[in-house]
Amino acid sequence: MADSSRSQRAGGWVRTLLRGGAALLVAGCLGLVAFGGIAYLHARAEARPDPEQRPPLPVATLTAERQQSYATTEFYTGRVEARAETALAFELPGLVTEVLAEEGDRIAAGTPIALLDTDLLEDEKRRLEADRRALEADLAFAEKTERRQQSLERKGFAATAALDQAESAVRSLRARIVSTEAAIAGVDTRLAKSTLFAPFDGVISDRRVDPGAVLDAGMPVATLMAVDRPELRIGIAPETAKILRPGDRVDAMVGGRSY
């Protein structure tokens, strides 16, 4: 029994040694394969030819010099505006009877734009003219009385008081005639101002009232825009504004065109 146990243990050691030897053999083979691969890669890398040597590129050089100043181009945005734009209005209140201009109409200076009703003014003028004619008739009679009193005084038949009264009546009537003529002139002025005229050449950009409207003084009727010499409104940097002078010329791009 003892001999059989020793034989079994000896057989186990032999199998263990064989398995260990086989493992070492496999590991050794793997190591040889890896070493061979690395050696192959190194050989290929050393066998690659060196890149072709190219001549250096030529480079232009400049010598830097200090300058006192230099010129640059700056761009600023702005908008085109009419040289003049006015909201046209009557100086007097009244009823609008006609509007003679439409939006988009090109108007020359002095062209009528709108009219106010003038019936009341014409009635007032006729009344004042009648008053003036009556005063002129009274003045003619007063002047005759004055001349008669002067003649009687020279002959010694008239009192001084009567002559003074005749002269005073003449002066009063003349003053009333002057006042009446001034009132007539005022009516004529209001009649003239009842027609709204264009103050300059331009285009009607906005019409705001229609016939039949009753306006207060100063209410806008239409807007007139001058188009003959448009202006550019451009905001620039303060530093640039300091170097600009009246009369300097600049380039402006409007709609792709240079002005």
C-alpha atoms as a PDB file:
ATOM      1  CA  MET A   1       0.000   0.000   0.000  1.00  0.00           C
ATOM      2  CA  ALA A   2       2.866   2.321   0.808  1.00  0.00           C
ATOM      3  CA  ASP A   3       4.547   1.607  -2.519  1.00  0.00           C
ATOM      4  CA  SER A   4       1.273   2.292  -4.392  1.00  0.00           C
ATOM      5  CA  SER A   5       0.844   5.714  -2.703  1.00  0.00           C
ATOM      6  CA  ARG A   6       4.389   6.732  -3.524  1.00  0.00           C
ATOM      7  CA  SER A   7       3.814   5.712  -7.169  1.00  0.00           C
ATOM      8  CA  GLN A   8       0.729   7.869  -7.369  1.00  0.00           C
ATOM      9  CA  ARG A   9       2.491  10.884  -5.878  1.00  0.00           C
ATOM     10  CA  ALA A  10       5.356  10.429  -8.310  1.00  0.00           C
ATOM     11  CA  GLY A  11       2.920  10.314 -11.217  1.00  0.00           C
ATOM     12  CA  GLY A  12       1.282  13.554 -10.041  1.00  0.00           C
ATOM     13  CA  TRP A  13       4.631  15.338  -9.890  1.00  0.00           C
ATOM     14  CA  VAL A  14       5.478  14.189 -13.377  1.00  0.00           C
ATOM     15  CA  ARG A  15       2.142  15.544 -14.736  1.00  0.00           C
ATOM     16  CA  THR A  16       2.681  18.843 -12.920  1.00  0.00           C
ATOM     17  CA  LEU A  17       6.154  19.205 -14.378  1.00  0.00           C
ATOM     18  CA  LEU A  18       4.862  18.459 -17.858  1.00  0.00           C
ATOM     19  CA  ARG A  19       2.096  21.099 -17.569  1.00  0.00           C
ATOM     20  CA  GLY A  20       4.575  23.662 -16.273  1.00  0.00           C
ATOM     21  CA  GLY A  21       6.971  22.913 -19.075  1.00  0.00           C
ATOM     22  CA  ALA A  22       4.260  23.273 -21.686  1.00  0.00           C
ATOM     23  CA  ALA A  23       3.248  26.691 -20.235  1.00  0.00           C
ATOM     24  CA  LEU A  24       6.832  27.901 -20.293  1.00  0.00           C
ATOM     25  CA  LEU A  25       7.205  26.703 -23.853  1.00  0.00           C
ATOM     26  CA  VAL A  26       4.042  28.654 -24.958  1.00  0.00           C
ATOM     27  CA  ALA A  27       5.170  31.806 -23.152  1.00  0.00           C
ATOM     28  CA  GLY A  28       8.563  31.566 -24.763  1.00  0.00           C
ATOM     29  CA  CYS A  29       7.033  31.246 -28.211  1.00  0.00           C
ATOM     30  CA  LEU A  30       4.830  34.299 -27.652  1.00  0.00           C
ATOM     31  CA  GLY A  31       7.807  36.316 -26.504  1.00  0.00           C
ATOM     32  CA  LEU A  32       9.767  35.342 -29.591  1.00  0.00           C
ATOM     33  CA  VAL A  33       6.842  36.384 -31.849  1.00  0.00           C
ATOM     34  CA  ALA A  34       6.508  39.780 -30.135  1.00  0.00           C
ATOM     35  CA  PHE A  35      10.225  40.431 -30.285  1.00  0.00           C
ATOM     36  CA  GLY A  36      10.284  39.478 -33.923  1.00  0.00           C
ATOM     37  CA  GLY A  37       7.385  41.880 -34.735  1.00  0.00           C
ATOM     38  CA  ILE A  38       9.071  44.813 -32.990  1.00  0.00           C
ATOM     39  CA  ALA A  39      12.317  44.076 -34.757  1.00  0.00           C
ATOM     40  CA  TYR A  40      10.447  43.992 -38.095  1.00  0.00           C
ATOM     41  CA  LEU A  41       8.818  47.370 -37.462  1.00  0.00           C
ATOM     42  CA  HIS A  42      12.158  48.936 -36.530  1.00  0.00           C
ATOM     43  CA  ALA A  43      13.680  47.538 -39.686  1.00  0.00           C
ATOM     44  CA  ARG A  44      10.908  49.047 -41.870  1.00  0.00           C
ATOM     45  CA  ALA A  45      11.233  52.434 -40.175  1.00  0.00           C
ATOM     46  CA  GLU A  46      14.978  52.488 -40.723  1.00  0.00           C
ATOM     47  CA  ALA A  47      14.511  51.409 -44.344  1.00  0.00           C
ATOM     48  CA  ARG A  48      12.168  54.470 -45.201  1.00  0.00           C
ATOM     49  CA  PRO A  49      14.102  57.058 -47.249  1.00  0.00           C
ATOM     50  CA  ASP A  50      14.646  60.563 -45.810  1.00  0.00           C
ATOM     51  CA  PRO A  51      12.265  63.328 -47.125  1.00  0.00           C
ATOM     52  CA  GLU A  52      13.522  65.397 -50.018  1.00  0.00           C
ATOM     53  CA  GLN A  53      15.292  68.552 -48.907  1.00  0.00           C
ATOM     54  CA  ARG A  54      13.684  71.649 -50.499  1.00  0.00           C
ATOM     55  CA  PRO A  55      15.370  75.001 -50.859  1.00  0.00           C
ATOM     56  CA  PRO A  56      14.154  77.736 -48.406  1.00  0.00           C
ATOM     57  CA  LEU A  57      11.485  80.170 -49.629  1.00  0.00           C
ATOM     58  CA  PRO A  58      12.625  83.728 -50.343  1.00  0.00           C
ATOM     59  CA  VAL A  59      11.189  86.371 -47.943  1.00  0.00           C
ATOM     60  CA  ALA A  60      10.915  90.094 -48.717  1.00  0.00           C
ATOM     61  CA  THR A  61      11.920  92.387 -45.885  1.00  0.00           C
ATOM     62  CA  LEU A  62      11.295  96.074 -45.170  1.00  0.00           C
ATOM     63  CA  THR A  63      12.962  98.484 -42.888  1.00  0.00           C
ATOM     64  CA  ALA A  64      10.512 100.023 -40.390  1.00  0.00           C
ATOM     65  CA  GLU A  65      10.587 103.803 -40.238  1.00  0.00           C
ATOM     66  CA  ARG A  66       8.838 106.023 -37.712  1.00  0.00           C
ATOM     67  CA  GLN A  67       6.150 108.295 -39.215  1.00  0.00           C
ATOM     68  CA  GLN A  68       4.540 111.355 -37.668  1.00  0.00           C
ATOM     69  CA  SER A  69       1.065 110.485 -39.059  1.00  0.00           C
ATOM     70  CA  TYR A  70      -0.777 108.198 -41.456  1.00  0.00           C
ATOM     71  CA  ALA A  71      -4.006 108.303 -43.471  1.00  0.00           C
ATOM     72  CA  THR A  72      -6.957 105.981 -42.911  1.00  0.00           C
ATOM     73  CA  THR A  73     -10.426 105.650 -44.445  1.00  0.00           C
ATOM     74  CA  GLU A  74     -13.383 105.779 -42.085  1.00  0.00           C
ATOM     75  CA  PHE A  75     -17.031 105.009 -42.872  1.00  0.00           C
ATOM     76  CA  TYR A  76     -20.043 106.476 -41.060  1.00  0.00           C
ATOM     77  CA  THR A  77     -23.728 105.839 -41.605  1.00  0.00           C
ATOM     78  CA  GLY A  78     -26.338 108.558 -42.016  1.00  0.00           C
ATOM     79  CA  ARG A  79     -29.512 109.452 -43.871  1.00  0.00           C
ATOM     80  CA  VAL A  80     -30.546 111.718 -46.723  1.00  0.00           C
ATOM     81  CA  GLU A  81     -32.830 114.553 -45.660  1.00  0.00           C
ATOM     82  CA  ALA A  82     -34.658 117.319 -47.437  1.00  0.00           C
ATOM     83  CA  ARG A  83     -32.963 120.693 -47.308  1.00  0.00           C
ATOM     84  CA  ALA A  84     -36.213 122.120 -45.960  1.00  0.00           C
ATOM     85  CA  GLU A  85     -39.431 120.531 -44.742  1.00  0.00           C
ATOM     86  CA  THR A  86     -42.346 122.667 -43.570  1.00  0.00           C
ATOM     87  CA  ALA A  87     -45.813 121.955 -42.239  1.00  0.00           C
ATOM     88  CA  LEU A  88     -47.916 124.522 -44.097  1.00  0.00           C
ATOM     89  CA  ALA A  89     -50.679 126.180 -42.071  1.00  0.00           C
ATOM     90  CA  PHE A  90     -52.964 129.209 -42.186  1.00  0.00           C
ATOM     91  CA  GLU A  91     -52.247 132.081 -39.852  1.00  0.00           C
ATOM     92  CA  LEU A  92     -55.989 132.620 -39.458  1.00  0.00           C
ATOM     93  CA  PRO A  93     -58.811 130.313 -38.358  1.00  0.00           C
ATOM     94  CA  GLY A  94     -61.468 129.518 -40.894  1.00  0.00           C
ATOM     95  CA  LEU A  95     -63.368 127.095 -43.084  1.00  0.00           C
ATOM     96  CA  VAL A  96     -61.381 125.291 -45.795  1.00  0.00           C
ATOM     97  CA  THR A  97     -63.131 125.636 -49.140  1.00  0.00           C
ATOM     98  CA  GLU A  98     -60.495 124.130 -51.450  1.00  0.00           C
ATOM     99  CA  VAL A  99     -57.315 122.050 -51.244  1.00  0.00           C
ATOM    100  CA  LEU A 100     -55.437 122.491 -54.502  1.00  0.00           C
ATOM    101  CA  ALA A 101     -52.522 120.082 -53.985  1.00  0.00           C
ATOM    102  CA  GLU A 102     -52.304 116.332 -53.582  1.00  0.00           C
ATOM    103  CA  GLU A 103     -49.610 114.146 -52.058  1.00  0.00           C
ATOM    104  CA  GLY A 104     -46.731 113.710 -54.490  1.00  0.00           C
ATOM    105  CA  ASP A 105     -47.430 116.924 -56.419  1.00  0.00           C
ATOM    106  CA  ARG A 106     -44.354 118.939 -57.346  1.00  0.00           C
ATOM    107  CA  ILE A 107     -45.080 122.534 -56.359  1.00  0.00           C
ATOM    108  CA  ALA A 108     -43.334 125.753 -57.406  1.00  0.00           C
ATOM    109  CA  ALA A 109     -42.825 128.571 -54.939  1.00  0.00           C
ATOM    110  CA  GLY A 110     -45.884 130.833 -54.809  1.00  0.00           C
ATOM    111  CA  THR A 111     -48.347 128.154 -55.930  1.00  0.00           C
ATOM    112  CA  PRO A 112     -51.680 128.177 -54.017  1.00  0.00           C
ATOM    113  CA  ILE A 113     -52.079 125.127 -51.767  1.00  0.00           C
ATOM    114  CA  ALA A 114     -55.454 125.697 -50.072  1.00  0.00           C
ATOM    115  CA  LEU A 115     -58.172 128.350 -49.663  1.00  0.00           C
ATOM    116  CA  LEU A 116     -60.276 129.538 -46.718  1.00  0.00           C
ATOM    117  CA  ASP A 117     -63.816 130.862 -46.934  1.00  0.00           C
ATOM    118  CA  THR A 118     -63.675 134.669 -47.270  1.00  0.00           C
ATOM    119  CA  ASP A 119     -67.369 135.630 -47.332  1.00  0.00           C
ATOM    120  CA  LEU A 120     -67.292 137.285 -43.899  1.00  0.00           C
ATOM    121  CA  LEU A 121     -64.101 139.188 -44.705  1.00  0.00           C
ATOM    122  CA  GLU A 122     -65.513 140.483 -47.965  1.00  0.00           C
ATOM    123  CA  ASP A 123     -68.672 141.622 -46.179  1.00  0.00           C
ATOM    124  CA  GLU A 124     -66.566 143.451 -43.618  1.00  0.00           C
ATOM    125  CA  LYS A 125     -64.514 145.099 -46.333  1.00  0.00           C
ATOM    126  CA  ARG A 126     -67.637 146.342 -48.123  1.00  0.00           C
ATOM    127  CA  ARG A 127     -68.956 147.812 -44.867  1.00  0.00           C
ATOM    128  CA  LEU A 128     -65.663 149.584 -44.175  1.00  0.00           C
ATOM    129  CA  GLU A 129     -65.530 150.971 -47.693  1.00  0.00           C
ATOM    130  CA  ALA A 130     -69.057 152.338 -47.262  1.00  0.00           C
ATOM    131  CA  ASP A 131     -67.999 153.945 -43.982  1.00  0.00           C
ATOM    132  CA  ARG A 132     -65.021 155.527 -45.727  1.00  0.00           C
ATOM    133  CA  ARG A 133     -67.233 156.999 -48.463  1.00  0.00           C
ATOM    134  CA  ALA A 134     -69.556 158.457 -45.832  1.00  0.00           C
ATOM    135  CA  LEU A 135     -66.647 159.939 -43.945  1.00  0.00           C
ATOM    136  CA  GLU A 136     -65.218 161.413 -47.125  1.00  0.00           C
ATOM    137  CA  ALA A 137     -68.586 163.089 -47.826  1.00  0.00           C
ATOM    138  CA  ASP A 138     -68.678 164.466 -44.275  1.00  0.00           C
ATOM    139  CA  LEU A 139     -65.107 165.669 -44.687  1.00  0.00           C
ATOM    140  CA  ALA A 140     -65.939 167.491 -47.887  1.00  0.00           C
ATOM    141  CA  PHE A 141     -68.807 169.331 -46.125  1.00  0.00           C
ATOM    142  CA  ALA A 142     -66.589 170.063 -43.099  1.00  0.00           C
ATOM    143  CA  GLU A 143     -63.860 171.506 -45.306  1.00  0.00           C
ATOM    144  CA  LYS A 144     -66.419 173.789 -47.018  1.00  0.00           C
ATOM    145  CA  THR A 145     -67.620 174.944 -43.596  1.00  0.00           C
ATOM    146  CA  GLU A 146     -64.024 175.547 -42.567  1.00  0.00           C
ATOM    147  CA  ARG A 147     -63.309 177.660 -45.658  1.00  0.00           C
ATOM    148  CA  ARG A 148     -66.530 179.634 -45.114  1.00  0.00           C
ATOM    149  CA  GLN A 149     -65.641 180.360 -41.491  1.00  0.00           C
ATOM    150  CA  GLN A 150     -62.123 181.420 -42.506  1.00  0.00           C
ATOM    151  CA  SER A 151     -63.600 183.844 -45.072  1.00  0.00           C
ATOM    152  CA  LEU A 152     -66.061 185.299 -42.548  1.00  0.00           C
ATOM    153  CA  GLU A 153     -63.297 185.671 -39.987  1.00  0.00           C
ATOM    154  CA  ARG A 154     -61.142 187.612 -42.409  1.00  0.00           C
ATOM    155  CA  LYS A 155     -64.124 189.949 -42.997  1.00  0.00           C
ATOM    156  CA  GLY A 156     -64.814 190.197 -39.267  1.00  0.00           C
ATOM    157  CA  PHE A 157     -68.220 188.524 -39.392  1.00  0.00           C
ATOM    158  CA  ALA A 158     -67.337 185.175 -37.677  1.00  0.00           C
ATOM    159  CA  ALA A 159     -66.348 184.344 -34.167  1.00  0.00           C
ATOM    160  CA  THR A 160     -63.057 182.592 -33.507  1.00  0.00           C
ATOM    161  CA  ALA A 161     -64.845 179.760 -31.712  1.00  0.00           C
ATOM    162  CA  ALA A 162     -66.869 178.869 -34.793  1.00  0.00           C
ATOM    163  CA  LEU A 163     -63.722 178.661 -36.892  1.00  0.00           C
ATOM    164  CA  ASP A 164     -62.003 176.483 -34.300  1.00  0.00           C
ATOM    165  CA  GLN A 165     -64.989 174.142 -34.271  1.00  0.00           C
ATOM    166  CA  ALA A 166     -64.947 173.822 -38.076  1.00  0.00           C
ATOM    167  CA  GLU A 167     -61.216 173.078 -38.128  1.00  0.00           C
ATOM    168  CA  SER A 168     -61.609 170.478 -35.370  1.00  0.00           C
ATOM    169  CA  ALA A 169     -64.345 168.713 -37.328  1.00  0.00           C
ATOM    170  CA  VAL A 170     -62.093 168.514 -40.378  1.00  0.00           C
ATOM    171  CA  ARG A 171     -59.211 167.014 -38.373  1.00  0.00           C
ATOM    172  CA  SER A 172     -61.512 164.471 -36.717  1.00  0.00           C
ATOM    173  CA  LEU A 173     -62.997 163.318 -40.002  1.00  0.00           C
ATOM    174  CA  ARG A 174     -59.561 162.970 -41.592  1.00  0.00           C
ATOM    175  CA  ALA A 175     -58.377 160.847 -38.656  1.00  0.00           C
ATOM    176  CA  ARG A 176     -61.463 158.618 -38.901  1.00  0.00           C
ATOM    177  CA  ILE A 177     -60.829 158.138 -42.621  1.00  0.00           C
ATOM    178  CA  VAL A 178     -57.238 157.102 -41.921  1.00  0.00           C
ATOM    179  CA  SER A 179     -58.466 154.640 -39.295  1.00  0.00           C
ATOM    180  CA  THR A 180     -61.041 153.224 -41.706  1.00  0.00           C
ATOM    181  CA  GLU A 181     -58.433 152.813 -44.433  1.00  0.00           C
ATOM    182  CA  ALA A 182     -56.195 150.966 -41.958  1.00  0.00           C
ATOM    183  CA  ALA A 183     -59.094 148.630 -41.135  1.00  0.00           C
ATOM    184  CA  ILE A 184     -59.647 148.013 -44.851  1.00  0.00           C
ATOM    185  CA  ALA A 185     -55.937 147.236 -45.231  1.00  0.00           C
ATOM    186  CA  GLY A 186     -56.226 144.765 -42.350  1.00  0.00           C
ATOM    187  CA  VAL A 187     -59.108 143.035 -44.078  1.00  0.00           C
ATOM    188  CA  ASP A 188     -57.073 142.904 -47.290  1.00  0.00           C
ATOM    189  CA  THR A 189     -54.237 141.291 -45.358  1.00  0.00           C
ATOM    190  CA  ARG A 190     -56.574 138.671 -43.916  1.00  0.00           C
ATOM    191  CA  LEU A 191     -57.987 138.051 -47.379  1.00  0.00           C
ATOM    192  CA  ALA A 192     -54.486 137.506 -48.711  1.00  0.00           C
ATOM    193  CA  LYS A 193     -53.689 135.163 -45.831  1.00  0.00           C
ATOM    194  CA  SER A 194     -56.822 133.151 -46.597  1.00  0.00           C
ATOM    195  CA  THR A 195     -54.875 131.618 -49.483  1.00  0.00           C
ATOM    196  CA  LEU A 196     -52.035 129.298 -48.451  1.00  0.00           C
ATOM    197  CA  PHE A 197     -49.031 129.554 -50.797  1.00  0.00           C
ATOM    198  CA  ALA A 198     -45.962 127.341 -51.154  1.00  0.00           C
ATOM    199  CA  PRO A 199     -42.966 129.177 -49.667  1.00  0.00           C
ATOM    200  CA  PHE A 200     -40.418 127.293 -51.805  1.00  0.00           C
ATOM    201  CA  ASP A 201     -40.158 124.726 -54.593  1.00  0.00           C
ATOM    202  CA  GLY A 202     -40.847 121.209 -53.388  1.00  0.00           C
ATOM    203  CA  VAL A 203     -43.080 118.166 -53.238  1.00  0.00           C
ATOM    204  CA  ILE A 204     -46.205 117.700 -51.139  1.00  0.00           C
ATOM    205  CA  SER A 205     -45.300 114.786 -48.882  1.00  0.00           C
ATOM    206  CA  ASP A 206     -48.399 114.811 -46.692  1.00  0.00           C
ATOM    207  CA  ARG A 207     -51.912 116.264 -47.100  1.00  0.00           C
ATOM    208  CA  ARG A 208     -53.781 116.468 -43.817  1.00  0.00           C
ATOM    209  CA  VAL A 209     -57.130 118.212 -44.417  1.00  0.00           C
ATOM    210  CA  ASP A 210     -59.996 118.152 -46.903  1.00  0.00           C
ATOM    211  CA  PRO A 211     -62.495 120.830 -47.964  1.00  0.00           C
ATOM    212  CA  GLY A 212     -65.088 121.535 -45.276  1.00  0.00           C
ATOM    213  CA  ALA A 213     -62.669 121.300 -42.362  1.00  0.00           C
ATOM    214  CA  VAL A 214     -62.749 124.153 -39.857  1.00  0.00           C
ATOM    215  CA  LEU A 215     -59.213 124.979 -38.756  1.00  0.00           C
ATOM    216  CA  ASP A 216     -57.709 126.876 -35.887  1.00  0.00           C
ATOM    217  CA  ALA A 217     -54.797 129.157 -36.637  1.00  0.00           C
ATOM    218  CA  GLY A 218     -51.597 127.168 -37.110  1.00  0.00           C
ATOM    219  CA  MET A 219     -53.186 123.773 -37.768  1.00  0.00           C
ATOM    220  CA  PRO A 220     -51.143 121.953 -40.467  1.00  0.00           C
ATOM    221  CA  VAL A 221     -52.767 121.609 -43.871  1.00  0.00           C
ATOM    222  CA  ALA A 222     -49.970 119.864 -45.787  1.00  0.00           C
ATOM    223  CA  THR A 223     -46.261 119.166 -45.561  1.00  0.00           C
ATOM    224  CA  LEU A 224     -43.952 120.585 -48.230  1.00  0.00           C
ATOM    225  CA  MET A 225     -40.511 119.031 -48.715  1.00  0.00           C
ATOM    226  CA  ALA A 226     -37.726 120.631 -50.728  1.00  0.00           C
ATOM    227  CA  VAL A 227     -36.073 118.124 -53.072  1.00  0.00           C
ATOM    228  CA  ASP A 228     -33.770 120.274 -55.170  1.00  0.00           C
ATOM    229  CA  ARG A 229     -30.740 120.133 -52.842  1.00  0.00           C
ATOM    230  CA  PRO A 230     -30.965 117.209 -50.411  1.00  0.00           C
ATOM    231  CA  GLU A 231     -28.699 117.132 -47.386  1.00  0.00           C
ATOM    232  CA  LEU A 232     -26.890 114.320 -45.587  1.00  0.00           C
ATOM    233  CA  ARG A 233     -27.171 114.007 -41.818  1.00  0.00           C
ATOM    234  CA  ILE A 234     -24.260 111.866 -40.592  1.00  0.00           C
ATOM    235  CA  GLY A 235     -22.983 111.311 -37.085  1.00  0.00           C
ATOM    236  CA  ILE A 236     -19.185 111.179 -36.877  1.00  0.00           C
ATOM    237  CA  ALA A 237     -16.687 110.595 -34.118  1.00  0.00           C
ATOM    238  CA  PRO A 238     -15.684 113.667 -32.076  1.00  0.00           C
ATOM    239  CA  GLU A 239     -12.044 113.143 -33.014  1.00  0.00           C
ATOM    240  CA  THR A 240     -12.947 113.322 -36.701  1.00  0.00           C
ATOM    241  CA  ALA A 241     -15.192 116.339 -36.217  1.00  0.00           C
ATOM    242  CA  LYS A 242     -12.269 118.293 -34.775  1.00  0.00           C
ATOM    243  CA  ILE A 243     -10.279 118.072 -38.001  1.00  0.00           C
ATOM    244  CA  LEU A 244     -13.147 118.942 -40.375  1.00  0.00           C
ATOM    245  CA  ARG A 245     -13.531 122.508 -41.593  1.00  0.00           C
ATOM    246  CA  PRO A 246     -16.329 124.278 -43.521  1.00  0.00           C
ATOM    247  CA  GLY A 247     -15.785 123.708 -47.217  1.00  0.00           C
ATOM    248  CA  ASP A 248     -14.057 120.311 -46.849  1.00  0.00           C
ATOM    249  CA  ARG A 249     -15.153 117.771 -49.444  1.00  0.00           C
ATOM    250  CA  VAL A 250     -16.022 114.191 -48.461  1.00  0.00           C
ATOM    251  CA  ASP A 251     -17.280 111.171 -50.395  1.00  0.00           C
ATOM    252  CA  ALA A 252     -20.790 109.874 -49.731  1.00  0.00           C
ATOM    253  CA  MET A 253     -22.201 106.583 -50.988  1.00  0.00           C
ATOM    254  CA  VAL A 254     -25.962 106.737 -51.617  1.00  0.00           C
ATOM    255  CA  GLY A 255     -27.681 103.835 -53.312  1.00  0.00           C
ATOM    256  CA  GLY A 256     -24.374 102.448 -54.515  1.00  0.00           C
ATOM    257  CA  ARG A 257     -23.333 105.738 -56.138  1.00  0.00           C
ATOM    258  CA  SER A 258     -20.599 108.028 -54.939  1.00  0.00           C
ATOM    259  CA  TYR A 259     -21.341 111.728 -54.463  1.00  0.00           C
END
